[in-house]
């Protein structure tokens, strides 16, 4: 599936695909949102949950991208200390 294919789907279809085919990779807090990062095929999808309006509109936006440099904001939160054993 391409980014264009995913964007052309309805919100319900996008969420169904993420739930069934996506892999939750990371999460973070930023700009009053809880952001979930999913891996899906050859792309990444960020779900922004608005923490101030969670009852009325929990999903503020989706960010869909395939550029791995956009993952840099998540790298600081990944604990790789267990990998020291293999070095």
PDB file of N, CA and C in Angstrom:
ATOM      1  N   UNK A   1       0.845  -1.167   0.000  1.00  0.00           N
ATOM      2  CA  UNK A   1       0.000   0.000   0.000  1.00  0.00           C
ATOM      3  C   UNK A   1       0.895   1.237   0.000  1.00  0.00           C
ATOM      4  N   UNK A   2       0.525   2.209  -0.805  1.00  0.00           N
ATOM      5  CA  UNK A   2       1.285   3.453  -0.867  1.00  0.00           C
ATOM      6  C   UNK A   2       0.655   4.496   0.053  1.00  0.00           C
ATOM      7  N   UNK A   3       1.381   5.585   0.260  1.00  0.00           N
ATOM      8  CA  UNK A   3       0.838   6.680   1.066  1.00  0.00           C
ATOM      9  C   UNK A   3      -0.430   7.215   0.425  1.00  0.00           C
ATOM     10  N   UNK A   4      -0.419   7.362  -0.899  1.00  0.00           N
ATOM     11  CA  UNK A   4      -1.605   7.863  -1.604  1.00  0.00           C
ATOM     12  C   UNK A   4      -2.792   6.924  -1.409  1.00  0.00           C
ATOM     13  N   UNK A   5      -2.559   5.614  -1.492  1.00  0.00           N
ATOM     14  CA  UNK A   5      -3.638   4.641  -1.273  1.00  0.00           C
ATOM     15  C   UNK A   5      -4.234   4.805   0.120  1.00  0.00           C
ATOM     16  N   UNK A   6      -3.364   4.929   1.119  1.00  0.00           N
ATOM     17  CA  UNK A   6      -3.823   5.050   2.498  1.00  0.00           C
ATOM     18  C   UNK A   6      -4.597   6.350   2.702  1.00  0.00           C
ATOM     19  N   UNK A   7      -4.094   7.454   2.143  1.00  0.00           N
ATOM     20  CA  UNK A   7      -4.763   8.752   2.299  1.00  0.00           C
ATOM     21  C   UNK A   7      -6.131   8.777   1.628  1.00  0.00           C
ATOM     22  N   UNK A   8      -6.298   7.991   0.567  1.00  0.00           N
ATOM     23  CA  UNK A   8      -7.571   7.970  -0.155  1.00  0.00           C
ATOM     24  C   UNK A   8      -8.652   7.162   0.552  1.00  0.00           C
ATOM     25  N   UNK A   9      -8.314   6.483   1.607  1.00  0.00           N
ATOM     26  CA  UNK A   9      -9.296   5.703   2.364  1.00  0.00           C
ATOM     27  C   UNK A   9     -10.014   6.604   3.360  1.00  0.00           C
ATOM     28  N   UNK A  10     -11.198   6.203   3.767  1.00  0.00           N
ATOM     29  CA  UNK A  10     -11.941   6.956   4.779  1.00  0.00           C
ATOM     30  C   UNK A  10     -11.232   6.827   6.127  1.00  0.00           C
ATOM     31  N   UNK A  11     -11.573   7.702   7.061  1.00  0.00           N
ATOM     32  CA  UNK A  11     -10.979   7.629   8.400  1.00  0.00           C
ATOM     33  C   UNK A  11     -11.215   6.263   9.032  1.00  0.00           C
ATOM     34  N   UNK A  12     -12.422   5.736   8.885  1.00  0.00           N
ATOM     35  CA  UNK A  12     -12.731   4.426   9.464  1.00  0.00           C
ATOM     36  C   UNK A  12     -11.866   3.333   8.855  1.00  0.00           C
ATOM     37  N   UNK A  13     -11.683   3.380   7.534  1.00  0.00           N
ATOM     38  CA  UNK A  13     -10.839   2.383   6.873  1.00  0.00           C
ATOM     39  C   UNK A  13      -9.383   2.513   7.326  1.00  0.00           C
ATOM     40  N   UNK A  14      -8.901   3.752   7.466  1.00  0.00           N
ATOM     41  CA  UNK A  14      -7.530   3.967   7.921  1.00  0.00           C
ATOM     42  C   UNK A  14      -7.323   3.377   9.311  1.00  0.00           C
ATOM     43  N   UNK A  15      -8.244   3.638  10.227  1.00  0.00           N
ATOM     44  CA  UNK A  15      -8.110   3.125  11.590  1.00  0.00           C
ATOM     45  C   UNK A  15      -8.203   1.606  11.626  1.00  0.00           C
ATOM     46  N   UNK A  16      -9.067   1.026  10.790  1.00  0.00           N
ATOM     47  CA  UNK A  16      -9.183  -0.427  10.713  1.00  0.00           C
ATOM     48  C   UNK A  16      -7.862  -1.032  10.233  1.00  0.00           C
ATOM     49  N   UNK A  17      -7.273  -0.435   9.204  1.00  0.00           N
ATOM     50  CA  UNK A  17      -5.993  -0.922   8.673  1.00  0.00           C
ATOM     51  C   UNK A  17      -4.902  -0.810   9.727  1.00  0.00           C
ATOM     52  N   UNK A  18      -4.831   0.336  10.423  1.00  0.00           N
ATOM     53  CA  UNK A  18      -3.818   0.503  11.469  1.00  0.00           C
ATOM     54  C   UNK A  18      -3.979  -0.528  12.569  1.00  0.00           C
ATOM     55  N   UNK A  19      -5.218  -0.748  12.980  1.00  0.00           N
ATOM     56  CA  UNK A  19      -5.488  -1.691  14.071  1.00  0.00           C
ATOM     57  C   UNK A  19      -5.113  -3.116  13.684  1.00  0.00           C
ATOM     58  N   UNK A  20      -5.378  -3.496  12.446  1.00  0.00           N
ATOM     59  CA  UNK A  20      -5.189  -4.878  12.028  1.00  0.00           C
ATOM     60  C   UNK A  20      -3.857  -5.172  11.342  1.00  0.00           C
ATOM     61  N   UNK A  21      -3.254  -4.165  10.735  1.00  0.00           N
ATOM     62  CA  UNK A  21      -2.019  -4.396   9.991  1.00  0.00           C
ATOM     63  C   UNK A  21      -0.838  -3.584  10.514  1.00  0.00           C
ATOM     64  N   UNK A  22      -1.117  -2.528  11.252  1.00  0.00           N
ATOM     65  CA  UNK A  22      -0.050  -1.662  11.738  1.00  0.00           C
ATOM     66  C   UNK A  22       0.625  -2.223  12.975  1.00  0.00           C
ATOM     67  N   UNK A  23       1.857  -1.786  13.189  1.00  0.00           N
ATOM     68  CA  UNK A  23       2.633  -2.183  14.364  1.00  0.00           C
ATOM     69  C   UNK A  23       2.939  -0.922  15.160  1.00  0.00           C
ATOM     70  N   UNK A  24       2.483  -0.887  16.415  1.00  0.00           N
ATOM     71  CA  UNK A  24       2.779   0.259  17.271  1.00  0.00           C
ATOM     72  C   UNK A  24       4.268   0.239  17.591  1.00  0.00           C
ATOM     73  N   UNK A  25       4.971   1.283  17.172  1.00  0.00           N
ATOM     74  CA  UNK A  25       6.422   1.342  17.342  1.00  0.00           C
ATOM     75  C   UNK A  25       6.852   2.199  18.521  1.00  0.00           C
ATOM     76  N   UNK A  26       6.127   3.288  18.752  1.00  0.00           N
ATOM     77  CA  UNK A  26       6.537   4.217  19.811  1.00  0.00           C
ATOM     78  C   UNK A  26       5.391   5.168  20.109  1.00  0.00           C
ATOM     79  N   UNK A  27       5.558   5.901  21.198  1.00  0.00           N
ATOM     80  CA  UNK A  27       4.609   6.957  21.526  1.00  0.00           C
ATOM     81  C   UNK A  27       5.348   8.066  22.247  1.00  0.00           C
ATOM     82  N   UNK A  28       4.782   9.262  22.175  1.00  0.00           N
ATOM     83  CA  UNK A  28       5.389  10.424  22.815  1.00  0.00           C
ATOM     84  C   UNK A  28       4.312  11.460  23.088  1.00  0.00           C
ATOM     85  N   UNK A  29       4.664  12.463  23.878  1.00  0.00           N
ATOM     86  CA  UNK A  29       3.771  13.574  24.166  1.00  0.00           C
ATOM     87  C   UNK A  29       4.369  14.839  23.569  1.00  0.00           C
ATOM     88  N   UNK A  30       3.545  15.615  22.884  1.00  0.00           N
ATOM     89  CA  UNK A  30       4.020  16.851  22.264  1.00  0.00           C
ATOM     90  C   UNK A  30       2.818  17.713  21.900  1.00  0.00           C
ATOM     91  N   UNK A  31       2.928  19.018  22.105  1.00  0.00           N
ATOM     92  CA  UNK A  31       1.897  19.980  21.713  1.00  0.00           C
ATOM     93  C   UNK A  31       0.519  19.632  22.268  1.00  0.00           C
ATOM     94  N   UNK A  32       0.434  19.164  23.485  1.00  0.00           N
ATOM     95  CA  UNK A  32      -0.847  18.812  24.086  1.00  0.00           C
ATOM     96  C   UNK A  32      -1.479  17.572  23.496  1.00  0.00           C
ATOM     97  N   UNK A  33      -0.676  16.764  22.853  1.00  0.00           N
ATOM     98  CA  UNK A  33      -1.181  15.547  22.218  1.00  0.00           C
ATOM     99  C   UNK A  33      -0.371  14.336  22.663  1.00  0.00           C
ATOM    100  N   UNK A  34      -1.037  13.212  22.673  1.00  0.00           N
ATOM    101  CA  UNK A  34      -0.380  11.916  22.840  1.00  0.00           C
ATOM    102  C   UNK A  34      -0.239  11.385  21.423  1.00  0.00           C
ATOM    103  N   UNK A  35       0.989  11.158  20.992  1.00  0.00           N
ATOM    104  CA  UNK A  35       1.252  10.770  19.611  1.00  0.00           C
ATOM    105  C   UNK A  35       1.695   9.311  19.575  1.00  0.00           C
ATOM    106  N   UNK A  36       1.013   8.532  18.761  1.00  0.00           N
ATOM    107  CA  UNK A  36       1.331   7.117  18.583  1.00  0.00           C
ATOM    108  C   UNK A  36       1.942   6.928  17.197  1.00  0.00           C
ATOM    109  N   UNK A  37       3.073   6.254  17.126  1.00  0.00           N
ATOM    110  CA  UNK A  37       3.737   5.980  15.855  1.00  0.00           C
ATOM    111  C   UNK A  37       3.506   4.524  15.474  1.00  0.00           C
ATOM    112  N   UNK A  38       2.962   4.324  14.282  1.00  0.00           N
ATOM    113  CA  UNK A  38       2.721   2.984  13.756  1.00  0.00           C
ATOM    114  C   UNK A  38       3.574   2.755  12.516  1.00  0.00           C
ATOM    115  N   UNK A  39       4.059   1.537  12.355  1.00  0.00           N
ATOM    116  CA  UNK A  39       4.684   1.116  11.118  1.00  0.00           C
ATOM    117  C   UNK A  39       3.644   0.375  10.298  1.00  0.00           C
ATOM    118  N   UNK A  40       3.582   0.686   9.024  1.00  0.00           N
ATOM    119  CA  UNK A  40       2.588   0.069   8.145  1.00  0.00           C
ATOM    120  C   UNK A  40       3.210  -0.077   6.761  1.00  0.00           C
ATOM    121  N   UNK A  41       3.425  -1.296   6.322  1.00  0.00           N
ATOM    122  CA  UNK A  41       4.091  -1.554   5.036  1.00  0.00           C
ATOM    123  C   UNK A  41       5.402  -0.788   4.992  1.00  0.00           C
ATOM    124  N   UNK A  42       5.535   0.096   4.021  1.00  0.00           N
ATOM    125  CA  UNK A  42       6.773   0.862   3.864  1.00  0.00           C
ATOM    126  C   UNK A  42       6.591   2.314   4.286  1.00  0.00           C
ATOM    127  N   UNK A  43       5.658   2.553   5.211  1.00  0.00           N
ATOM    128  CA  UNK A  43       5.407   3.923   5.665  1.00  0.00           C
ATOM    129  C   UNK A  43       5.174   3.948   7.162  1.00  0.00           C
ATOM    130  N   UNK A  44       5.093   5.141   7.686  1.00  0.00           N
ATOM    131  CA  UNK A  44       4.833   5.365   9.105  1.00  0.00           C
ATOM    132  C   UNK A  44       3.614   6.258   9.233  1.00  0.00           C
ATOM    133  N   UNK A  45       2.837   6.022  10.277  1.00  0.00           N
ATOM    134  CA  UNK A  45       1.641   6.817  10.533  1.00  0.00           C
ATOM    135  C   UNK A  45       1.684   7.276  11.981  1.00  0.00           C
ATOM    136  N   UNK A  46       1.529   8.577  12.180  1.00  0.00           N
ATOM    137  CA  UNK A  46       1.424   9.129  13.527  1.00  0.00           C
ATOM    138  C   UNK A  46      -0.028   9.511  13.778  1.00  0.00           C
ATOM    139  N   UNK A  47      -0.579   9.036  14.875  1.00  0.00           N
ATOM    140  CA  UNK A  47      -1.917   9.425  15.323  1.00  0.00           C
ATOM    141  C   UNK A  47      -1.750  10.441  16.435  1.00  0.00           C
ATOM    142  N   UNK A  48      -2.358  11.590  16.297  1.00  0.00           N
ATOM    143  CA  UNK A  48      -2.298  12.635  17.312  1.00  0.00           C
ATOM    144  C   UNK A  48      -3.616  12.638  18.076  1.00  0.00           C
ATOM    145  N   UNK A  49      -3.586  12.271  19.353  1.00  0.00           N
ATOM    146  CA  UNK A  49      -4.762  12.321  20.219  1.00  0.00           C
ATOM    147  C   UNK A  49      -4.703  13.624  20.998  1.00  0.00           C
ATOM    148  N   UNK A  50      -5.706  14.468  20.818  1.00  0.00           N
ATOM    149  CA  UNK A  50      -5.763  15.751  21.521  1.00  0.00           C
ATOM    150  C   UNK A  50      -6.168  15.505  22.964  1.00  0.00           C
ATOM    151  N   UNK A  51      -5.276  15.744  23.896  1.00  0.00           N
ATOM    152  CA  UNK A  51      -5.539  15.447  25.305  1.00  0.00           C
ATOM    153  C   UNK A  51      -6.541  16.400  25.935  1.00  0.00           C
ATOM    154  N   UNK A  52      -6.687  17.602  25.384  1.00  0.00           N
ATOM    155  CA  UNK A  52      -7.627  18.568  25.950  1.00  0.00           C
ATOM    156  C   UNK A  52      -9.062  18.310  25.512  1.00  0.00           C
ATOM    157  N   UNK A  53      -9.247  17.673  24.377  1.00  0.00           N
ATOM    158  CA  UNK A  53     -10.595  17.434  23.855  1.00  0.00           C
ATOM    159  C   UNK A  53     -10.826  15.947  23.617  1.00  0.00           C
ATOM    160  N   UNK A  54     -10.303  15.121  24.482  1.00  0.00           N
ATOM    161  CA  UNK A  54     -10.345  13.675  24.263  1.00  0.00           C
ATOM    162  C   UNK A  54     -11.770  13.122  24.213  1.00  0.00           C
ATOM    163  N   UNK A  55     -12.702  13.754  24.936  1.00  0.00           N
ATOM    164  CA  UNK A  55     -14.087  13.267  24.933  1.00  0.00           C
ATOM    165  C   UNK A  55     -14.795  13.589  23.624  1.00  0.00           C
ATOM    166  N   UNK A  56     -14.527  14.767  23.053  1.00  0.00           N
ATOM    167  CA  UNK A  56     -15.258  15.202  21.865  1.00  0.00           C
ATOM    168  C   UNK A  56     -14.586  14.788  20.561  1.00  0.00           C
ATOM    169  N   UNK A  57     -13.302  14.929  20.488  1.00  0.00           N
ATOM    170  CA  UNK A  57     -12.587  14.668  19.248  1.00  0.00           C
ATOM    171  C   UNK A  57     -11.210  14.093  19.552  1.00  0.00           C
ATOM    172  N   UNK A  58     -11.142  12.814  19.855  1.00  0.00           N
ATOM    173  CA  UNK A  58      -9.867  12.253  20.300  1.00  0.00           C
ATOM    174  C   UNK A  58      -8.761  12.274  19.251  1.00  0.00           C
ATOM    175  N   UNK A  59      -9.092  12.144  17.985  1.00  0.00           N
ATOM    176  CA  UNK A  59      -8.062  12.147  16.951  1.00  0.00           C
ATOM    177  C   UNK A  59      -8.015  13.528  16.319  1.00  0.00           C
ATOM    178  N   UNK A  60      -6.880  14.192  16.502  1.00  0.00           N
ATOM    179  CA  UNK A  60      -6.740  15.517  15.908  1.00  0.00           C
ATOM    180  C   UNK A  60      -6.264  15.399  14.470  1.00  0.00           C
ATOM    181  N   UNK A  61      -5.311  14.528  14.221  1.00  0.00           N
ATOM    182  CA  UNK A  61      -4.798  14.400  12.865  1.00  0.00           C
ATOM    183  C   UNK A  61      -3.964  13.140  12.707  1.00  0.00           C
ATOM    184  N   UNK A  62      -3.718  12.819  11.460  1.00  0.00           N
ATOM    185  CA  UNK A  62      -2.809  11.742  11.088  1.00  0.00           C
ATOM    186  C   UNK A  62      -1.644  12.363  10.333  1.00  0.00           C
ATOM    187  N   UNK A  63      -0.472  11.872  10.570  1.00  0.00           N
ATOM    188  CA  UNK A  63       0.697  12.261   9.791  1.00  0.00           C
ATOM    189  C   UNK A  63       1.224  10.987   9.153  1.00  0.00           C
ATOM    190  N   UNK A  64       1.323  10.981   7.842  1.00  0.00           N
ATOM    191  CA  UNK A  64       1.725   9.784   7.111  1.00  0.00           C
ATOM    192  C   UNK A  64       2.991  10.114   6.328  1.00  0.00           C
ATOM    193  N   UNK A  65       4.031   9.309   6.507  1.00  0.00           N
ATOM    194  CA  UNK A  65       5.289   9.614   5.834  1.00  0.00           C
ATOM    195  C   UNK A  65       6.109   8.346   5.623  1.00  0.00           C
ATOM    196  N   UNK A  66       7.089   8.435   4.730  1.00  0.00           N
ATOM    197  CA  UNK A  66       7.989   7.301   4.498  1.00  0.00           C
ATOM    198  C   UNK A  66       9.457   7.687   4.657  1.00  0.00           C
ATOM    199  N   UNK A  67       9.722   8.909   5.063  1.00  0.00           N
ATOM    200  CA  UNK A  67      11.084   9.397   5.266  1.00  0.00           C
ATOM    201  C   UNK A  67      11.570   9.008   6.662  1.00  0.00           C
ATOM    202  N   UNK A  68      12.522   8.080   6.763  1.00  0.00           N
ATOM    203  CA  UNK A  68      12.959   7.619   8.084  1.00  0.00           C
ATOM    204  C   UNK A  68      13.625   8.696   8.937  1.00  0.00           C
ATOM    205  N   UNK A  69      14.070   9.787   8.350  1.00  0.00           N
ATOM    206  CA  UNK A  69      14.674  10.848   9.169  1.00  0.00           C
ATOM    207  C   UNK A  69      13.643  11.497  10.083  1.00  0.00           C
ATOM    208  N   UNK A  70      12.373  11.348   9.766  1.00  0.00           N
ATOM    209  CA  UNK A  70      11.324  11.900  10.635  1.00  0.00           C
ATOM    210  C   UNK A  70      11.142  11.071  11.899  1.00  0.00           C
ATOM    211  N   UNK A  71      11.831   9.947  11.992  1.00  0.00           N
ATOM    212  CA  UNK A  71      11.779   9.109  13.191  1.00  0.00           C
ATOM    213  C   UNK A  71      12.755   9.588  14.261  1.00  0.00           C
ATOM    214  N   UNK A  72      13.613  10.530  13.930  1.00  0.00           N
ATOM    215  CA  UNK A  72      14.641  11.005  14.864  1.00  0.00           C
ATOM    216  C   UNK A  72      14.067  11.458  16.199  1.00  0.00           C
ATOM    217  N   UNK A  73      12.882  12.054  16.215  1.00  0.00           N
ATOM    218  CA  UNK A  73      12.299  12.541  17.471  1.00  0.00           C
ATOM    219  C   UNK A  73      11.993  11.397  18.437  1.00  0.00           C
ATOM    220  N   UNK A  74      11.905  10.182  17.934  1.00  0.00           N
ATOM    221  CA  UNK A  74      11.614   9.029  18.778  1.00  0.00           C
ATOM    222  C   UNK A  74      12.880   8.355  19.308  1.00  0.00           C
ATOM    223  N   UNK A  75      14.009   8.597  18.683  1.00  0.00           N
ATOM    224  CA  UNK A  75      15.234   7.865  19.016  1.00  0.00           C
ATOM    225  C   UNK A  75      15.708   8.087  20.445  1.00  0.00           C
ATOM    226  N   UNK A  76      15.549   9.280  20.962  1.00  0.00           N
ATOM    227  CA  UNK A  76      16.014   9.574  22.324  1.00  0.00           C
ATOM    228  C   UNK A  76      15.271   8.754  23.375  1.00  0.00           C
ATOM    229  N   UNK A  77      14.081   8.281  23.046  1.00  0.00           N
ATOM    230  CA  UNK A  77      13.262   7.544  24.005  1.00  0.00           C
ATOM    231  C   UNK A  77      13.434   6.032  23.926  1.00  0.00           C
ATOM    232  N   UNK A  78      14.287   5.566  23.038  1.00  0.00           N
ATOM    233  CA  UNK A  78      14.481   4.127  22.877  1.00  0.00           C
ATOM    234  C   UNK A  78      15.635   3.676  23.761  1.00  0.00           C
ATOM    235  N   UNK A  79      15.347   2.770  24.660  1.00  0.00           N
ATOM    236  CA  UNK A  79      16.354   2.244  25.575  1.00  0.00           C
ATOM    237  C   UNK A  79      17.091   1.085  24.904  1.00  0.00           C
ATOM    238  N   UNK A  80      18.347   1.307  24.589  1.00  0.00           N
ATOM    239  CA  UNK A  80      19.136   0.257  23.944  1.00  0.00           C
ATOM    240  C   UNK A  80      20.176  -0.335  24.896  1.00  0.00           C
ATOM    241  N   UNK A  81      20.038  -0.068  26.178  1.00  0.00           N
ATOM    242  CA  UNK A  81      21.028  -0.552  27.146  1.00  0.00           C
ATOM    243  C   UNK A  81      21.140  -2.082  27.150  1.00  0.00           C
ATOM    244  N   UNK A  82      20.063  -2.772  26.866  1.00  0.00           N
ATOM    245  CA  UNK A  82      20.101  -4.235  26.847  1.00  0.00           C
ATOM    246  C   UNK A  82      20.970  -4.765  25.704  1.00  0.00           C
ATOM    247  N   UNK A  83      21.216  -3.937  24.702  1.00  0.00           N
ATOM    248  CA  UNK A  83      22.036  -4.363  23.570  1.00  0.00           C
ATOM    249  C   UNK A  83      23.526  -4.358  23.884  1.00  0.00           C
ATOM    250  N   UNK A  84      23.920  -3.755  25.001  1.00  0.00           N
ATOM    251  CA  UNK A  84      25.332  -3.705  25.388  1.00  0.00           C
ATOM    252  C   UNK A  84      25.933  -5.102  25.495  1.00  0.00           C
ATOM    253  N   UNK A  85      25.128  -6.072  25.827  1.00  0.00           N
ATOM    254  CA  UNK A  85      25.592  -7.452  25.980  1.00  0.00           C
ATOM    255  C   UNK A  85      26.158  -7.976  24.667  1.00  0.00           C
ATOM    256  N   UNK A  86      25.636  -7.502  23.556  1.00  0.00           N
ATOM    257  CA  UNK A  86      26.023  -8.013  22.245  1.00  0.00           C
ATOM    258  C   UNK A  86      27.199  -7.270  21.630  1.00  0.00           C
ATOM    259  N   UNK A  87      27.665  -6.229  22.290  1.00  0.00           N
ATOM    260  CA  UNK A  87      28.780  -5.452  21.726  1.00  0.00           C
ATOM    261  C   UNK A  87      30.116  -5.991  22.141  1.00  0.00           C
TER     262      UNK A  87
END
